[in-house]
Structures are given as structure tokens and as C-alpha cells.
C-alpha atoms as a PDB file:
ATOM      1  CA  MET A   1      -0.065  -0.509   0.361  1.00  0.00           C
ATOM      2  CA  SER A   2       1.364   3.479  -0.892  1.00  0.00           C
ATOM      3  CA  LYS A   3       1.540   6.231   1.953  1.00  0.00           C
ATOM      4  CA  GLU A   4      -1.318   8.417   0.979  1.00  0.00           C
ATOM      5  CA  ALA A   5      -3.331   5.275  -0.092  1.00  0.00           C
ATOM      6  CA  ARG A   6      -7.404   5.271   0.349  1.00  0.00           C
ATOM      7  CA  MET A   7      -8.895   3.341   2.801  1.00  0.00           C
ATOM      8  CA  VAL A   8     -12.985   2.507   3.257  1.00  0.00           C
ATOM      9  CA  SER A   9     -14.611   1.404   5.173  1.00  0.00           C
ATOM     10  CA  ILE A  10     -17.781  -0.442   3.730  1.00  0.00           C
ATOM     11  CA  LYS A  11     -20.776  -3.033   3.956  1.00  0.00           C
ATOM     12  CA  MET A  12     -21.006  -5.659   2.977  1.00  0.00           C
ATOM     13  CA  ASN A  13     -24.286  -7.212   1.775  1.00  0.00           C
ATOM     14  CA  THR A  14     -23.182 -10.340   0.474  1.00  0.00           C
ATOM     15  CA  VAL A  15     -20.641 -13.239   2.100  1.00  0.00           C
ATOM     16  CA  SER A  16     -17.218 -12.913   0.338  1.00  0.00           C
ATOM     17  CA  ALA A  17     -14.146 -15.046   0.697  1.00  0.00           C
ATOM     18  CA  GLY A  18     -11.135 -14.823  -1.424  1.00  0.00           C
ATOM     19  CA  PRO A  19      -7.576 -14.468  -0.585  1.00  0.00           C
ATOM     20  CA  GLU A  20      -7.852 -11.834   2.684  1.00  0.00           C
ATOM     21  CA  GLY A  21     -10.603 -13.788   4.373  1.00  0.00           C
ATOM     22  CA  THR A  22     -14.362 -14.569   4.522  1.00  0.00           C
ATOM     23  CA  ARG A  23     -16.111 -10.905   4.941  1.00  0.00           C
ATOM     24  CA  HIS A  24     -19.778 -11.435   5.939  1.00  0.00           C
ATOM     25  CA  LYS A  25     -22.813  -9.754   5.013  1.00  0.00           C
ATOM     26  CA  GLY A  26     -23.796  -6.655   7.546  1.00  0.00           C
ATOM     27  CA  LYS A  27     -20.438  -6.517   8.800  1.00  0.00           C
ATOM     28  CA  VAL A  28     -17.985  -3.393   8.413  1.00  0.00           C
ATOM     29  CA  TYR A  29     -14.835  -4.247   7.082  1.00  0.00           C
ATOM     30  CA  GLU A  30     -11.507  -1.417   6.125  1.00  0.00           C
ATOM     31  CA  VAL A  31     -10.677  -2.321   2.320  1.00  0.00           C
ATOM     32  CA  PRO A  32      -8.419  -0.477   0.048  1.00  0.00           C
ATOM     33  CA  GLU A  33     -10.435   2.003  -2.416  1.00  0.00           C
ATOM     34  CA  VAL A  34     -10.100   0.306  -5.730  1.00  0.00           C
ATOM     35  CA  GLU A  35     -11.157  -3.295  -4.146  1.00  0.00           C
ATOM     36  CA  ALA A  36     -14.125  -0.917  -2.233  1.00  0.00           C
ATOM     37  CA  THR A  37     -15.505   0.254  -5.459  1.00  0.00           C
ATOM     38  CA  ALA A  38     -14.855  -2.875  -7.326  1.00  0.00           C
ATOM     39  CA  LEU A  39     -17.262  -4.654  -4.399  1.00  0.00           C
ATOM     40  CA  ILE A  40     -19.591  -1.657  -4.580  1.00  0.00           C
ATOM     41  CA  GLN A  41     -19.731  -1.251  -8.378  1.00  0.00           C
ATOM     42  CA  GLY A  42     -21.126  -4.973  -7.922  1.00  0.00           C
ATOM     43  CA  GLY A  43     -23.237  -4.839  -5.789  1.00  0.00           C
ATOM     44  CA  PHE A  44     -21.676  -6.554  -3.134  1.00  0.00           C
ATOM     45  CA  ALA A  45     -21.092  -4.123  -0.452  1.00  0.00           C
ATOM     46  CA  GLU A  46     -21.952  -0.203  -0.032  1.00  0.00           C
ATOM     47  CA  TYR A  47     -19.842   2.519   1.891  1.00  0.00           C
ATOM     48  CA  GLU A  48     -19.878   2.815   5.166  1.00  0.00           C
ATOM     49  CA  THR A  49     -16.613   5.815   5.523  1.00  0.00           C
ATOM     50  CA  VAL A  50     -13.623   7.036   4.216  1.00  0.00           C
ATOM     51  CA  MET A  51     -10.375   7.109   5.422  1.00  0.00           C
ATOM     52  CA  ILE A  52      -7.297   8.475   4.725  1.00  0.00           C
ATOM     53  CA  ALA A  53      -4.118   6.664   5.167  1.00  0.00           C
ATOM     54  CA  VAL A  54      -1.676   9.784   6.919  1.00  0.00           C
ATOM     55  CA  PRO A  55       1.847   8.695   7.299  1.00  0.00           C
ATOM     56  CA  LYS A  56       3.101   9.356  10.495  1.00  0.00           C
ATOM     57  CA  SER A  57       5.936  12.332  11.125  1.00  0.00           C
ATOM     58  CA  GLN A  58       7.966  13.901  13.479  1.00  0.00           C
ATOM     59  CA  ASN A  59       8.116  16.574  11.292  1.00  0.00           C
ATOM     60  CA  PRO A  60       6.201  19.652  12.928  1.00  0.00           C
ATOM     61  CA  LYS A  61       5.607  20.707   9.403  1.00  0.00           C
ATOM     62  CA  ASP A  62       3.967  17.750   8.687  1.00  0.00           C
ATOM     63  CA  LYS A  63       2.123  17.988  12.255  1.00  0.00           C
ATOM     64  CA  ASN A  64      -1.434  19.154  10.657  1.00  0.00           C
ATOM     65  CA  ALA A  65      -1.445  16.908   7.330  1.00  0.00           C
ATOM     66  CA  ALA A  66      -4.261  14.968   8.369  1.00  0.00           C
ATOM     67  CA  ALA A  67      -6.337  17.209   9.288  1.00  0.00           C
ATOM     68  CA  ASP A  68      -5.216  19.297   6.155  1.00  0.00           C
ATOM     69  CA  ALA A  69      -5.963  16.183   3.654  1.00  0.00           C
ATOM     70  CA  ILE A  70      -9.223  16.245   5.417  1.00  0.00           C
ATOM     71  CA  LYS A  71     -10.194  19.313   4.826  1.00  0.00           C
ATOM     72  CA  LYS A  72      -8.722  18.327   0.990  1.00  0.00           C
ATOM     73  CA  LEU A  73     -11.234  15.903   0.792  1.00  0.00           C
ATOM     74  CA  LYS A  74     -14.226  17.631   2.587  1.00  0.00           C
ATOM     75  CA  ASP A  75     -13.782  20.557  -0.235  1.00  0.00           C
ATOM     76  CA  GLU A  76     -13.515  17.637  -3.155  1.00  0.00           C
ATOM     77  CA  GLU A  77     -16.657  16.253  -2.211  1.00  0.00           C
ATOM     78  CA  ALA A  78     -18.612  19.569  -1.360  1.00  0.00           C
ATOM     79  CA  ALA A  79     -17.755  20.733  -5.484  1.00  0.00           C
ATOM     80  CA  ALA A  80     -18.775  17.128  -6.568  1.00  0.00           C
ATOM     81  CA  GLU A  81     -21.996  17.684  -4.777  1.00  0.00           C
ATOM     82  CA  ALA A  82     -22.911  21.354  -5.907  1.00  0.00           C
ATOM     83  CA  GLU A  83     -21.516  20.289 -10.171  1.00  0.00           C
ATOM     84  CA  ALA A  84     -24.144  17.264  -9.341  1.00  0.00           C
ATOM     85  CA  LEU A  85     -27.096  19.395  -7.929  1.00  0.00           C
ATOM     86  CA  ALA A  86     -26.621  22.069 -11.327  1.00  0.00           C
ATOM     87  CA  ALA A  87     -26.736  19.501 -13.578  1.00  0.00           C
ATOM     88  CA  ALA A  88     -30.092  18.274 -11.747  1.00  0.00           C
ATOM     89  CA  GLU A  89     -31.368  21.465 -11.890  1.00  0.00           C
ATOM     90  CA  ALA A  90     -30.332  22.386 -15.693  1.00  0.00           C
ATOM     91  CA  ILE A  91     -31.641  18.806 -16.134  1.00  0.00           C
ATOM     92  CA  LYS A  92     -35.044  20.487 -14.418  1.00  0.00           C
ATOM     93  CA  ASP A  93     -35.070  23.736 -15.706  1.00  0.00           C
ATOM     94  CA  PRO A  94     -37.692  23.409 -19.310  1.00  0.00           C
ATOM     95  CA  LYS A  95     -34.940  26.256 -20.849  1.00  0.00           C
ATOM     96  CA  VAL A  96     -31.905  24.564 -20.895  1.00  0.00           C
ATOM     97  CA  LYS A  97     -31.517  22.213 -23.820  1.00  0.00           C
ATOM     98  CA  ILE A  98     -30.069  19.435 -23.799  1.00  0.00           C
ATOM     99  CA  GLU A  99     -28.561  17.943 -27.258  1.00  0.00           C
ATOM    100  CA  LYS A 100     -27.025  15.300 -28.830  1.00  0.00           C
ATOM    101  CA  PRO A 101     -23.274  14.724 -29.258  1.00  0.00           C
ATOM    102  CA  ALA A 102     -22.613  15.271 -33.096  1.00  0.00           C
ATOM    103  CA  ASN A 103     -21.200  12.136 -33.330  1.00  0.00           C
ATOM    104  CA  TRP A 104     -24.077  10.067 -31.678  1.00  0.00           C
ATOM    105  CA  LYS A 105     -25.091   6.989 -33.017  1.00  0.00           C
ATOM    106  CA  LYS A 106     -28.521   6.088 -33.556  1.00  0.00           C
END
């Protein structure tokens, strides 16, 4: 795992078994983001929380690394949510015309 690999807490919707062991339905597990994405897209799990692994350091400049990483993640989530809300509102607005791209196949 890299220094800043994101770990995600997931809640299993089904039983799963593999090289990392058995995961039981209804229980929460901490897994790498890539694995969590695959399980969630497949319908085998759902998100619980997102955590960021921040390396421990004795350097005073790195004391706020965890807080900075969390703030950055929250800012990114807020921006994504605002963009999604704007898109949803645009779709509802009758004045907005959504056109198919010129290379759209019928």
C-alpha cells in the first residue's frame, strides 16, 4: 500500500471469500479504495466512511497533514456535490436544451 492510499469502510451486502479472508454480510470492513469500488459497483457492498492513511511524521510541518488531507477531501466532495446539484437543476429547467453530440450513434 502506498503512503497515501485511501482506505474505505464498506458494509458487506453478501458473504465474500478470497485471499484476504472471509467477509460476512452486514459487517463493516476497511479495504483499499480500489477493492471497495469493485465490490460496490458489483452490488456486493455499500460505503460506510472514507478514511485517508497519512504517514506519521516527527516533522512539525507535517503535524497538520491529517487535518489538511481531510479538509481537502471535504472540499472535493462539496465541489462534486455542488456540480451534481447544478446538473440536476439544469435537467429540470425547461429552458435548458440537452442536445445529443454530433457523433451520437442512433
